[in-house]
Amino acid sequence: MIVQEEEPRVMQARDGVGQATVVVIEDDPSISELLELYLSRENYVVHATALGGLGAALVKEKSPALVILDLMLPDGSGFDVLKAVRSFSQVPLIILTARDAEQDKILGLELGADDYMVKPFSPGELVARARAVLRRVGAQTDPSTQAQVLGGVELQPDERTVRVDGALVDLTPKEFELLHCLLLNRGLALTRERLMQEVWGYTFYGDARTVDVHVGQLRKKLGPWGRVVQTVWGLGYKADREVSS
């Protein structure tokens, strides 16, 4: 079947700004319009199309935060669209389809879908699932949630632990946050004012000793790897980009 290419519809977010873009690939106009309505209320900019080929092109062009994909499309299988998208992007993707066979769900997930919903569906539940997928992917890509390793120092944010050459080191909460801040910004010289704002959460009023004392304590606890925290004279501190043994 030859299907004439269409122009994708665009619905702006409710406030006209939009926190992120969603591409909807769905050939049922009533479902597509319902998704556009609910997602725009959540402040997403929605690009919608009924065609899989155009949908894959939209994903490549718009780099969306999320894709919602039907499996039964007029120009081919949604599974082929999923394969095409996964060939160039790991964008979060939810399959939304009337196909409820277990093998279809297994295939969709194995091909790289992040979630699978069967029609009829609740728009509110789909929005909730979209939020959950985006939170999960965000946590995986957010540097502040990832382990930080520099030389013999290993910091695990989720566990709130620091190891030096494999041995646990007992840091106070502020020492931990100070080290975390420096490692996240490794190679960058951070002023005492910036460190006070990031770690203590209030504006710096000139008491440099607060930062200096905590850096001194941190260096002692890191032992031979205390040198990962370097002094930038007249400014503040930084974590070196690379530290050799």
Protein backbone atom coordinates (compact mmCIF):
# COMPACT_ATOMS: atom_id res chain seq x y z
CA MET A 1 0.00 0.00 0.00
CA ILE A 2 1.32 3.44 -0.91
CA VAL A 3 0.52 6.00 1.72
CA GLN A 4 0.94 9.66 0.92
CA GLU A 5 3.25 11.44 3.32
CA GLU A 6 1.50 13.92 5.59
CA GLU A 7 2.64 16.99 7.43
CA PRO A 8 3.02 16.21 11.15
CA ARG A 9 0.72 18.04 13.53
CA VAL A 10 2.26 20.13 16.26
CA MET A 11 0.52 21.02 19.52
CA GLN A 12 2.30 23.51 21.73
CA ALA A 13 2.46 23.10 25.47
CA ARG A 14 -0.25 24.79 27.47
CA ASP A 15 1.95 27.71 28.53
CA GLY A 16 3.48 28.03 25.07
CA VAL A 17 6.96 27.14 26.24
CA GLY A 18 7.19 23.39 26.70
CA GLN A 19 9.53 21.49 28.95
CA ALA A 20 10.26 18.81 26.36
CA THR A 21 9.16 17.37 23.05
CA VAL A 22 7.14 14.19 22.52
CA VAL A 23 6.70 12.44 19.17
CA VAL A 24 3.42 10.51 18.83
CA ILE A 25 3.20 7.94 16.00
CA GLU A 26 -0.46 6.89 15.95
CA ASP A 27 -2.86 6.46 13.01
CA ASP A 28 -6.13 6.67 14.96
CA PRO A 29 -7.03 10.40 14.91
CA SER A 30 -9.15 10.24 18.08
CA ILE A 31 -6.39 8.57 20.08
CA SER A 32 -3.73 10.86 18.65
CA GLU A 33 -5.74 13.97 19.51
CA LEU A 34 -6.40 12.63 23.02
CA LEU A 35 -2.67 12.08 23.57
CA GLU A 36 -1.87 15.53 22.22
CA LEU A 37 -4.39 17.06 24.60
CA TYR A 38 -3.16 15.28 27.73
CA LEU A 39 0.53 15.69 26.94
CA SER A 40 0.19 19.39 26.12
CA ARG A 41 -1.54 19.86 29.48
CA GLU A 42 1.60 18.38 31.02
CA ASN A 43 3.61 21.10 29.26
CA TYR A 44 5.03 18.97 26.45
CA VAL A 45 5.28 20.11 22.84
CA VAL A 46 3.73 17.27 20.82
CA HIS A 47 4.59 16.33 17.23
CA ALA A 48 2.08 13.77 15.93
CA THR A 49 1.96 11.71 12.75
CA ALA A 50 0.09 8.64 11.49
CA LEU A 51 3.03 7.36 9.46
CA GLY A 52 5.92 5.31 10.76
CA GLY A 53 8.42 6.58 8.21
CA LEU A 54 7.65 10.18 8.99
CA GLY A 55 7.65 9.39 12.70
CA ALA A 56 11.19 7.96 12.59
CA ALA A 57 12.31 11.04 10.66
CA LEU A 58 10.69 13.27 13.29
CA VAL A 59 12.58 11.48 16.06
CA LYS A 60 15.86 12.08 14.25
CA GLU A 61 15.02 15.72 13.56
CA LYS A 62 13.47 16.75 16.89
CA SER A 63 15.51 14.65 19.36
CA PRO A 64 12.43 14.28 21.59
CA ALA A 65 12.37 13.37 25.26
CA LEU A 66 9.83 10.61 24.58
CA VAL A 67 8.24 8.64 21.73
CA ILE A 68 4.78 7.01 21.85
CA LEU A 69 4.45 4.40 19.10
CA ASP A 70 1.52 2.39 17.74
CA LEU A 71 2.36 -0.98 16.19
CA MET A 72 -0.27 -1.08 13.44
CA LEU A 73 0.45 1.77 11.05
CA PRO A 74 -0.74 2.36 7.49
CA ASP A 75 2.77 2.36 6.02
CA GLY A 76 4.19 -0.64 7.87
CA SER A 77 4.85 -2.28 11.22
CA GLY A 78 5.61 -0.30 14.34
CA PHE A 79 8.28 -2.90 15.11
CA ASP A 80 10.16 -1.73 12.01
CA VAL A 81 9.84 1.86 13.20
CA LEU A 82 11.21 0.84 16.59
CA LYS A 83 14.19 -0.87 14.94
CA ALA A 84 14.82 2.21 12.82
CA VAL A 85 14.69 4.53 15.82
CA ARG A 86 16.99 2.29 17.86
CA SER A 87 19.54 2.36 15.04
CA PHE A 88 20.29 6.02 15.84
CA SER A 89 18.69 6.89 19.19
CA GLN A 90 18.08 5.54 22.69
CA VAL A 91 15.17 7.92 23.29
CA PRO A 92 12.63 6.61 25.84
CA LEU A 93 9.82 4.90 23.91
CA ILE A 94 6.41 3.59 24.95
CA ILE A 95 4.48 1.22 22.69
CA LEU A 96 0.73 1.89 22.69
CA THR A 97 -1.21 -0.74 20.75
CA ALA A 98 -4.30 -2.93 20.52
CA ARG A 99 -2.05 -5.98 20.12
CA ASP A 100 -2.14 -7.71 23.49
CA ALA A 101 -0.41 -10.99 22.65
CA GLU A 102 2.42 -11.84 25.02
CA GLN A 103 4.85 -12.48 22.15
CA ASP A 104 4.23 -8.96 20.82
CA LYS A 105 5.00 -7.45 24.21
CA ILE A 106 8.14 -9.57 24.56
CA LEU A 107 9.30 -8.62 21.06
CA GLY A 108 8.65 -4.93 21.66
CA LEU A 109 10.63 -4.92 24.90
CA GLU A 110 13.45 -6.97 23.39
CA LEU A 111 13.71 -4.51 20.49
CA GLY A 112 14.23 -1.68 22.97
CA ALA A 113 10.84 -0.30 24.05
CA ASP A 114 10.83 1.05 27.60
CA ASP A 115 7.17 0.25 28.27
CA TYR A 116 4.19 -1.43 26.58
CA MET A 117 0.55 -0.39 27.00
CA VAL A 118 -2.51 -2.08 25.51
CA LYS A 119 -5.59 -0.25 24.19
CA PRO A 120 -8.10 0.66 25.47
CA PHE A 121 -6.04 2.69 27.90
CA SER A 122 -6.29 5.44 30.47
CA PRO A 123 -4.66 8.69 29.27
CA GLY A 124 -3.85 9.51 32.88
CA GLU A 125 -2.06 6.19 33.33
CA LEU A 126 -0.09 6.74 30.13
CA VAL A 127 1.05 10.17 31.35
CA ALA A 128 2.05 8.60 34.68
CA ARG A 129 4.02 5.90 32.87
CA ALA A 130 5.67 8.52 30.70
CA ARG A 131 6.78 10.40 33.81
CA ALA A 132 8.13 7.18 35.33
CA VAL A 133 10.11 6.31 32.19
CA LEU A 134 11.57 9.81 31.99
CA ARG A 135 12.50 9.75 35.69
CA ARG A 136 14.18 6.37 35.28
CA VAL A 137 16.13 7.42 32.22
CA GLY A 138 17.00 10.76 33.82
CA ALA A 139 18.42 9.01 36.86
CA GLN A 140 20.57 6.85 34.63
CA THR A 141 21.97 9.82 32.74
CA ASP A 142 22.19 12.37 35.53
CA PRO A 143 25.88 12.68 36.48
CA SER A 144 24.95 13.56 40.07
CA THR A 145 23.53 10.03 40.55
CA GLN A 146 26.49 8.20 39.02
CA ALA A 147 29.59 6.86 40.75
CA GLN A 148 32.56 9.23 40.70
CA VAL A 149 36.03 7.71 40.53
CA LEU A 150 39.28 9.65 40.57
CA GLY A 151 42.57 7.94 41.31
CA GLY A 152 42.01 5.69 44.30
CA VAL A 153 38.90 7.60 45.42
CA GLU A 154 35.47 6.15 44.63
CA LEU A 155 32.28 8.00 45.63
CA GLN A 156 28.87 6.29 45.36
CA PRO A 157 26.03 8.89 45.57
CA ASP A 158 23.20 6.39 46.08
CA GLU A 159 25.00 4.59 48.89
CA ARG A 160 26.47 7.81 50.31
CA THR A 161 29.81 6.02 50.59
CA VAL A 162 33.41 6.90 49.82
CA ARG A 163 36.19 4.36 49.43
CA VAL A 164 39.91 5.01 49.26
CA ASP A 165 41.82 2.16 47.64
CA GLY A 166 38.76 0.01 48.33
CA ALA A 167 38.48 0.81 52.03
CA LEU A 168 35.46 2.70 53.37
CA VAL A 169 36.17 6.18 54.68
CA ASP A 170 33.91 7.82 57.27
CA LEU A 171 33.02 11.32 56.07
CA THR A 172 30.64 13.82 57.62
CA PRO A 173 27.65 14.81 55.42
CA LYS A 174 29.29 18.12 54.48
CA GLU A 175 32.62 16.47 53.70
CA PHE A 176 30.79 14.00 51.46
CA GLU A 177 28.88 16.76 49.66
CA LEU A 178 32.04 18.84 49.29
CA LEU A 179 33.91 15.94 47.69
CA HIS A 180 30.91 15.13 45.48
CA CYS A 181 30.71 18.72 44.26
CA LEU A 182 34.41 18.82 43.43
CA LEU A 183 34.32 15.48 41.58
CA LEU A 184 31.26 16.47 39.56
CA ASN A 185 33.14 19.60 38.46
CA ARG A 186 36.56 18.01 38.13
CA GLY A 187 39.09 20.19 36.39
CA LEU A 188 37.12 23.35 37.16
CA ALA A 189 38.32 25.85 39.72
CA LEU A 190 35.46 26.49 42.15
CA THR A 191 35.45 29.59 44.29
CA ARG A 192 34.78 29.37 48.00
CA GLU A 193 31.56 31.27 47.34
CA ARG A 194 30.41 28.64 44.84
CA LEU A 195 31.28 25.80 47.20
CA MET A 196 29.37 27.47 50.04
CA GLN A 197 26.31 27.82 47.84
CA GLU A 198 26.49 24.26 46.48
CA VAL A 199 27.32 22.47 49.73
CA TRP A 200 25.96 24.64 52.54
CA GLY A 201 23.06 26.08 50.58
CA TYR A 202 23.42 29.71 51.55
CA THR A 203 25.23 32.77 50.27
CA PHE A 204 28.86 33.10 51.22
CA TYR A 205 29.52 36.00 53.57
CA GLY A 206 33.30 36.01 53.64
CA ASP A 207 34.11 33.25 56.15
CA ALA A 208 36.53 31.29 53.97
CA ARG A 209 37.57 29.24 57.00
CA THR A 210 34.38 27.18 56.74
CA VAL A 211 35.44 25.81 53.35
CA ASP A 212 39.14 25.68 54.21
CA VAL A 213 38.62 23.70 57.41
CA HIS A 214 36.38 21.13 55.67
CA VAL A 215 38.88 20.75 52.81
CA GLY A 216 41.65 20.16 55.34
CA GLN A 217 39.60 17.50 57.15
CA LEU A 218 38.65 15.88 53.85
CA ARG A 219 42.24 15.68 52.67
CA LYS A 220 43.31 14.00 55.92
CA LYS A 221 40.58 11.37 55.60
CA LEU A 222 41.47 10.66 51.97
CA GLY A 223 45.04 9.94 53.09
CA PRO A 224 47.50 9.61 50.19
CA TRP A 225 44.70 10.50 47.79
CA GLY A 226 44.04 13.81 49.51
CA ARG A 227 45.97 15.33 46.63
CA VAL A 228 42.93 14.89 44.37
CA VAL A 229 41.67 18.12 46.00
CA GLN A 230 43.94 20.89 44.79
CA THR A 231 44.19 24.47 46.01
CA VAL A 232 43.70 27.20 43.44
CA TRP A 233 45.51 30.07 45.10
CA GLY A 234 43.48 33.24 45.50
CA LEU A 235 40.32 31.52 44.34
CA GLY A 236 39.29 28.22 45.88
CA TYR A 237 39.68 24.52 45.08
CA LYS A 238 39.34 21.96 42.31
CA ALA A 239 39.51 18.22 41.81
CA ASP A 240 42.26 17.34 39.37
CA ARG A 241 41.08 15.80 36.10
CA GLU A 242 43.56 12.94 36.31
CA VAL A 243 45.58 11.72 39.25
CA SER A 244 48.16 8.98 38.80
CA SER A 245 49.22 6.57 41.48
